[in-house]
Amino acid sequence: MSVESVRDYFKTKNMDVSIRFFDDTSTVDKAADSLGVTPGEIAKSLVFKVKDGYIMVLVAGDKKIDNRKFKDTFFCKAKMPNRDEVMEVTGHPVGGVCPFGLKNPIDIYLDKSLNAYETVYPAAGDINAAVKLTVKELEELTGSRWIDISQNSQNKQIHF
């Protein structure tokens, strides 16, 4: 069902995007290996609880979220929902979460770390599915706002 909602989403946007399936892309490293790309080119979709509900942040796969930057941007601590909450909110399983074909509307943000790449690979609604998009296409498809919440080497990090 989740992959179908992603396919339907791309159809509504008049985009012919090929969803690629692999043995296991449930982690950044596994996805990068399967796709033959660097971990940074994997666009991690992270869901957080915030005061008013939930948000999704897409970040380069080799980056972590900086606690201070998150709090300064969203005026609350970064809290990750459990697997059941993620599935209920997005309609996608953890490992397959993406900003396409969401079950419920949530605000989506793109972290500036994605700008290091021309092309990125977000999941596509299943732990074994991904799509290839340019960063510009990702921005246009999601209508997201750009933020800066990824860590620098000297900053405290949240590890995922």
C-alpha atoms as a PDB file:
ATOM      1  CA  MET A   1       0.000   0.000   0.000  1.00  0.00           C
ATOM      2  CA  SER A   2       2.736   2.455   0.922  1.00  0.00           C
ATOM      3  CA  VAL A   3       4.616   2.108  -2.386  1.00  0.00           C
ATOM      4  CA  GLU A   4       1.308   2.498  -4.218  1.00  0.00           C
ATOM      5  CA  SER A   5       0.648   5.794  -2.438  1.00  0.00           C
ATOM      6  CA  VAL A   6       4.098   6.962  -3.577  1.00  0.00           C
ATOM      7  CA  ARG A   7       3.344   5.947  -7.183  1.00  0.00           C
ATOM      8  CA  ASP A   8       0.012   7.762  -6.998  1.00  0.00           C
ATOM      9  CA  TYR A   9       1.738  10.853  -5.613  1.00  0.00           C
ATOM     10  CA  PHE A  10       4.123  10.997  -8.579  1.00  0.00           C
ATOM     11  CA  LYS A  11       1.204  10.531 -10.989  1.00  0.00           C
ATOM     12  CA  THR A  12      -0.605  13.518  -9.453  1.00  0.00           C
ATOM     13  CA  LYS A  13       2.555  15.551 -10.036  1.00  0.00           C
ATOM     14  CA  ASN A  14       2.752  14.338 -13.668  1.00  0.00           C
ATOM     15  CA  MET A  15       6.177  12.838 -13.042  1.00  0.00           C
ATOM     16  CA  ASP A  16       7.342   9.553 -14.469  1.00  0.00           C
ATOM     17  CA  VAL A  17       9.605   8.490 -11.615  1.00  0.00           C
ATOM     18  CA  SER A  18      10.863   4.938 -11.486  1.00  0.00           C
ATOM     19  CA  ILE A  19      10.691   3.301  -8.070  1.00  0.00           C
ATOM     20  CA  ARG A  20      13.659   0.981  -7.748  1.00  0.00           C
ATOM     21  CA  PHE A  21      13.571  -2.107  -5.525  1.00  0.00           C
ATOM     22  CA  PHE A  22      16.528  -3.699  -3.766  1.00  0.00           C
ATOM     23  CA  ASP A  23      17.216  -6.535  -1.336  1.00  0.00           C
ATOM     24  CA  ASP A  24      17.550  -4.173   1.614  1.00  0.00           C
ATOM     25  CA  THR A  25      17.788  -0.382   1.740  1.00  0.00           C
ATOM     26  CA  SER A  26      16.534  -0.083   5.328  1.00  0.00           C
ATOM     27  CA  THR A  27      19.637   1.790   6.531  1.00  0.00           C
ATOM     28  CA  VAL A  28      21.715   4.522   4.928  1.00  0.00           C
ATOM     29  CA  ASP A  29      24.729   2.236   4.492  1.00  0.00           C
ATOM     30  CA  LYS A  30      22.675  -0.607   3.002  1.00  0.00           C
ATOM     31  CA  ALA A  31      20.906   1.797   0.656  1.00  0.00           C
ATOM     32  CA  ALA A  32      24.186   3.381  -0.465  1.00  0.00           C
ATOM     33  CA  ASP A  33      25.708  -0.051  -1.108  1.00  0.00           C
ATOM     34  CA  SER A  34      22.656  -1.221  -3.069  1.00  0.00           C
ATOM     35  CA  LEU A  35      22.578   1.954  -5.165  1.00  0.00           C
ATOM     36  CA  GLY A  36      26.342   2.249  -5.631  1.00  0.00           C
ATOM     37  CA  VAL A  37      26.451   5.778  -4.200  1.00  0.00           C
ATOM     38  CA  THR A  38      27.931   7.495  -1.164  1.00  0.00           C
ATOM     39  CA  PRO A  39      25.953   7.532   2.103  1.00  0.00           C
ATOM     40  CA  GLY A  40      25.544  11.307   1.763  1.00  0.00           C
ATOM     41  CA  GLU A  41      23.507  10.841  -1.409  1.00  0.00           C
ATOM     42  CA  ILE A  42      20.834   8.955   0.528  1.00  0.00           C
ATOM     43  CA  ALA A  43      18.164  11.464   1.581  1.00  0.00           C
ATOM     44  CA  LYS A  44      17.141  10.388   5.091  1.00  0.00           C
ATOM     45  CA  SER A  45      13.544  11.244   5.934  1.00  0.00           C
ATOM     46  CA  LEU A  46      13.334  11.839   9.681  1.00  0.00           C
ATOM     47  CA  VAL A  47      10.032  12.346  11.481  1.00  0.00           C
ATOM     48  CA  PHE A  48       9.956  14.383  14.691  1.00  0.00           C
ATOM     49  CA  LYS A  49       7.299  15.220  17.250  1.00  0.00           C
ATOM     50  CA  VAL A  50       6.966  18.950  17.766  1.00  0.00           C
ATOM     51  CA  LYS A  51       4.546  21.063  19.790  1.00  0.00           C
ATOM     52  CA  ASP A  52       1.890  21.191  17.085  1.00  0.00           C
ATOM     53  CA  GLY A  53       2.198  17.600  15.842  1.00  0.00           C
ATOM     54  CA  TYR A  54       4.824  16.150  13.545  1.00  0.00           C
ATOM     55  CA  ILE A  55       7.337  17.337  10.972  1.00  0.00           C
ATOM     56  CA  MET A  56       9.616  15.595   8.505  1.00  0.00           C
ATOM     57  CA  VAL A  57      13.172  16.679   7.775  1.00  0.00           C
ATOM     58  CA  LEU A  58      15.164  15.321   4.860  1.00  0.00           C
ATOM     59  CA  VAL A  59      18.891  15.350   5.484  1.00  0.00           C
ATOM     60  CA  ALA A  60      21.959  13.950   3.709  1.00  0.00           C
ATOM     61  CA  GLY A  61      22.512  10.363   4.799  1.00  0.00           C
ATOM     62  CA  ASP A  62      25.954  11.006   6.241  1.00  0.00           C
ATOM     63  CA  LYS A  63      24.763  13.828   8.504  1.00  0.00           C
ATOM     64  CA  LYS A  64      23.245  13.888  11.964  1.00  0.00           C
ATOM     65  CA  ILE A  65      20.868  16.380  13.518  1.00  0.00           C
ATOM     66  CA  ASP A  66      22.346  19.024  15.800  1.00  0.00           C
ATOM     67  CA  ASN A  67      20.329  19.410  19.030  1.00  0.00           C
ATOM     68  CA  ARG A  68      20.958  23.157  19.406  1.00  0.00           C
ATOM     69  CA  LYS A  69      20.146  23.969  15.781  1.00  0.00           C
ATOM     70  CA  PHE A  70      16.954  21.911  15.967  1.00  0.00           C
ATOM     71  CA  LYS A  71      15.819  23.670  19.144  1.00  0.00           C
ATOM     72  CA  ASP A  72      16.706  27.102  17.720  1.00  0.00           C
ATOM     73  CA  THR A  73      14.738  26.342  14.547  1.00  0.00           C
ATOM     74  CA  PHE A  74      11.649  24.610  15.968  1.00  0.00           C
ATOM     75  CA  PHE A  75      11.620  25.990  19.552  1.00  0.00           C
ATOM     76  CA  CYS A  76      11.457  22.517  21.081  1.00  0.00           C
ATOM     77  CA  LYS A  77      13.661  19.501  21.679  1.00  0.00           C
ATOM     78  CA  ALA A  78      14.012  16.915  18.938  1.00  0.00           C
ATOM     79  CA  LYS A  79      11.790  13.947  19.818  1.00  0.00           C
ATOM     80  CA  MET A  80      11.408  10.956  17.558  1.00  0.00           C
ATOM     81  CA  PRO A  81       8.080   9.129  17.524  1.00  0.00           C
ATOM     82  CA  ASN A  82       7.982   5.344  17.874  1.00  0.00           C
ATOM     83  CA  ARG A  83       7.539   3.026  14.875  1.00  0.00           C
ATOM     84  CA  ASP A  84       3.773   2.790  15.284  1.00  0.00           C
ATOM     85  CA  GLU A  85       3.390   6.577  15.410  1.00  0.00           C
ATOM     86  CA  VAL A  86       5.564   6.983  12.297  1.00  0.00           C
ATOM     87  CA  MET A  87       3.410   4.466  10.428  1.00  0.00           C
ATOM     88  CA  GLU A  88       0.192   6.120  11.629  1.00  0.00           C
ATOM     89  CA  VAL A  89       1.333   9.626  10.668  1.00  0.00           C
ATOM     90  CA  THR A  90       3.100   8.907   7.360  1.00  0.00           C
ATOM     91  CA  GLY A  91       1.607   5.630   6.170  1.00  0.00           C
ATOM     92  CA  HIS A  92       5.171   4.425   5.576  1.00  0.00           C
ATOM     93  CA  PRO A  93       7.234   2.010   7.677  1.00  0.00           C
ATOM     94  CA  VAL A  94      10.443   3.138   9.389  1.00  0.00           C
ATOM     95  CA  GLY A  95      13.187   2.569   6.816  1.00  0.00           C
ATOM     96  CA  GLY A  96      10.806   3.429   3.986  1.00  0.00           C
ATOM     97  CA  VAL A  97       9.628   6.832   5.194  1.00  0.00           C
ATOM     98  CA  CYS A  98       9.586   9.464   2.472  1.00  0.00           C
ATOM     99  CA  PRO A  99       7.817  12.771   1.808  1.00  0.00           C
ATOM    100  CA  PHE A 100       5.674  11.290  -0.984  1.00  0.00           C
ATOM    101  CA  GLY A 101       2.188   9.813  -0.671  1.00  0.00           C
ATOM    102  CA  LEU A 102       1.818  10.645   2.990  1.00  0.00           C
ATOM    103  CA  LYS A 103      -1.207   9.399   4.890  1.00  0.00           C
ATOM    104  CA  ASN A 104      -1.523  12.744   6.715  1.00  0.00           C
ATOM    105  CA  PRO A 105      -0.279  16.186   5.728  1.00  0.00           C
ATOM    106  CA  ILE A 106       2.794  17.229   7.702  1.00  0.00           C
ATOM    107  CA  ASP A 107       5.299  20.017   7.217  1.00  0.00           C
ATOM    108  CA  ILE A 108       8.392  18.908   5.322  1.00  0.00           C
ATOM    109  CA  TYR A 109      11.792  20.592   5.513  1.00  0.00           C
ATOM    110  CA  LEU A 110      14.989  20.079   3.526  1.00  0.00           C
ATOM    111  CA  ASP A 111      18.280  20.392   5.354  1.00  0.00           C
ATOM    112  CA  LYS A 112      21.001  22.364   3.582  1.00  0.00           C
ATOM    113  CA  SER A 113      23.263  19.284   3.743  1.00  0.00           C
ATOM    114  CA  LEU A 114      21.409  17.976   0.672  1.00  0.00           C
ATOM    115  CA  ASN A 115      22.838  20.839  -1.390  1.00  0.00           C
ATOM    116  CA  ALA A 116      26.204  19.067  -1.470  1.00  0.00           C
ATOM    117  CA  TYR A 117      24.693  16.711  -4.066  1.00  0.00           C
ATOM    118  CA  GLU A 118      23.027  17.144  -7.423  1.00  0.00           C
ATOM    119  CA  THR A 119      21.114  13.869  -7.157  1.00  0.00           C
ATOM    120  CA  VAL A 120      19.780  12.141  -4.029  1.00  0.00           C
ATOM    121  CA  TYR A 121      17.928   8.922  -3.268  1.00  0.00           C
ATOM    122  CA  PRO A 122      15.021   9.134  -0.821  1.00  0.00           C
ATOM    123  CA  ALA A 123      13.091   6.023   0.178  1.00  0.00           C
ATOM    124  CA  ALA A 124       9.851   5.282  -1.637  1.00  0.00           C
ATOM    125  CA  GLY A 125       7.425   3.945   0.947  1.00  0.00           C
ATOM    126  CA  ASP A 126       9.093   0.593   1.632  1.00  0.00           C
ATOM    127  CA  ILE A 127      12.356  -0.457   3.284  1.00  0.00           C
ATOM    128  CA  ASN A 128      13.451  -1.922  -0.053  1.00  0.00           C
ATOM    129  CA  ALA A 129      12.413   0.920  -2.360  1.00  0.00           C
ATOM    130  CA  ALA A 130      14.063   4.170  -3.419  1.00  0.00           C
ATOM    131  CA  VAL A 131      13.785   6.835  -6.107  1.00  0.00           C
ATOM    132  CA  LYS A 132      16.435   8.936  -7.802  1.00  0.00           C
ATOM    133  CA  LEU A 133      15.726  12.677  -7.849  1.00  0.00           C
ATOM    134  CA  THR A 134      17.698  15.827  -8.339  1.00  0.00           C
ATOM    135  CA  VAL A 135      17.729  18.061  -5.279  1.00  0.00           C
ATOM    136  CA  LYS A 136      15.800  20.616  -7.331  1.00  0.00           C
ATOM    137  CA  GLU A 137      13.119  18.005  -8.142  1.00  0.00           C
ATOM    138  CA  LEU A 138      12.938  17.052  -4.460  1.00  0.00           C
ATOM    139  CA  GLU A 139      12.438  20.691  -3.525  1.00  0.00           C
ATOM    140  CA  GLU A 140       9.761  21.207  -6.178  1.00  0.00           C
ATOM    141  CA  LEU A 141       7.915  17.966  -5.341  1.00  0.00           C
ATOM    142  CA  THR A 142       7.750  18.631  -1.632  1.00  0.00           C
ATOM    143  CA  GLY A 143       7.363  22.420  -1.657  1.00  0.00           C
ATOM    144  CA  SER A 144       9.699  22.360   1.318  1.00  0.00           C
ATOM    145  CA  ARG A 145      11.458  25.130   3.147  1.00  0.00           C
ATOM    146  CA  TRP A 146      15.255  24.941   3.487  1.00  0.00           C
ATOM    147  CA  ILE A 147      16.685  24.818   6.997  1.00  0.00           C
ATOM    148  CA  ASP A 148      20.087  24.263   8.608  1.00  0.00           C
ATOM    149  CA  ILE A 149      19.880  21.714  11.411  1.00  0.00           C
ATOM    150  CA  SER A 150      22.583  19.199  10.479  1.00  0.00           C
ATOM    151  CA  GLN A 151      25.645  18.855  12.634  1.00  0.00           C
ATOM    152  CA  ASN A 152      29.093  20.236  12.087  1.00  0.00           C
ATOM    153  CA  SER A 153      32.014  18.167  13.391  1.00  0.00           C
ATOM    154  CA  GLN A 154      32.315  20.214  16.594  1.00  0.00           C
ATOM    155  CA  ASN A 155      28.585  20.290  17.465  1.00  0.00           C
ATOM    156  CA  LYS A 156      26.583  17.909  19.686  1.00  0.00           C
ATOM    157  CA  GLN A 157      24.591  15.398  17.673  1.00  0.00           C
ATOM    158  CA  ILE A 158      21.565  13.187  17.836  1.00  0.00           C
ATOM    159  CA  HIS A 159      22.540   9.775  16.486  1.00  0.00           C
ATOM    160  CA  PHE A 160      20.051   7.863  14.328  1.00  0.00           C
END
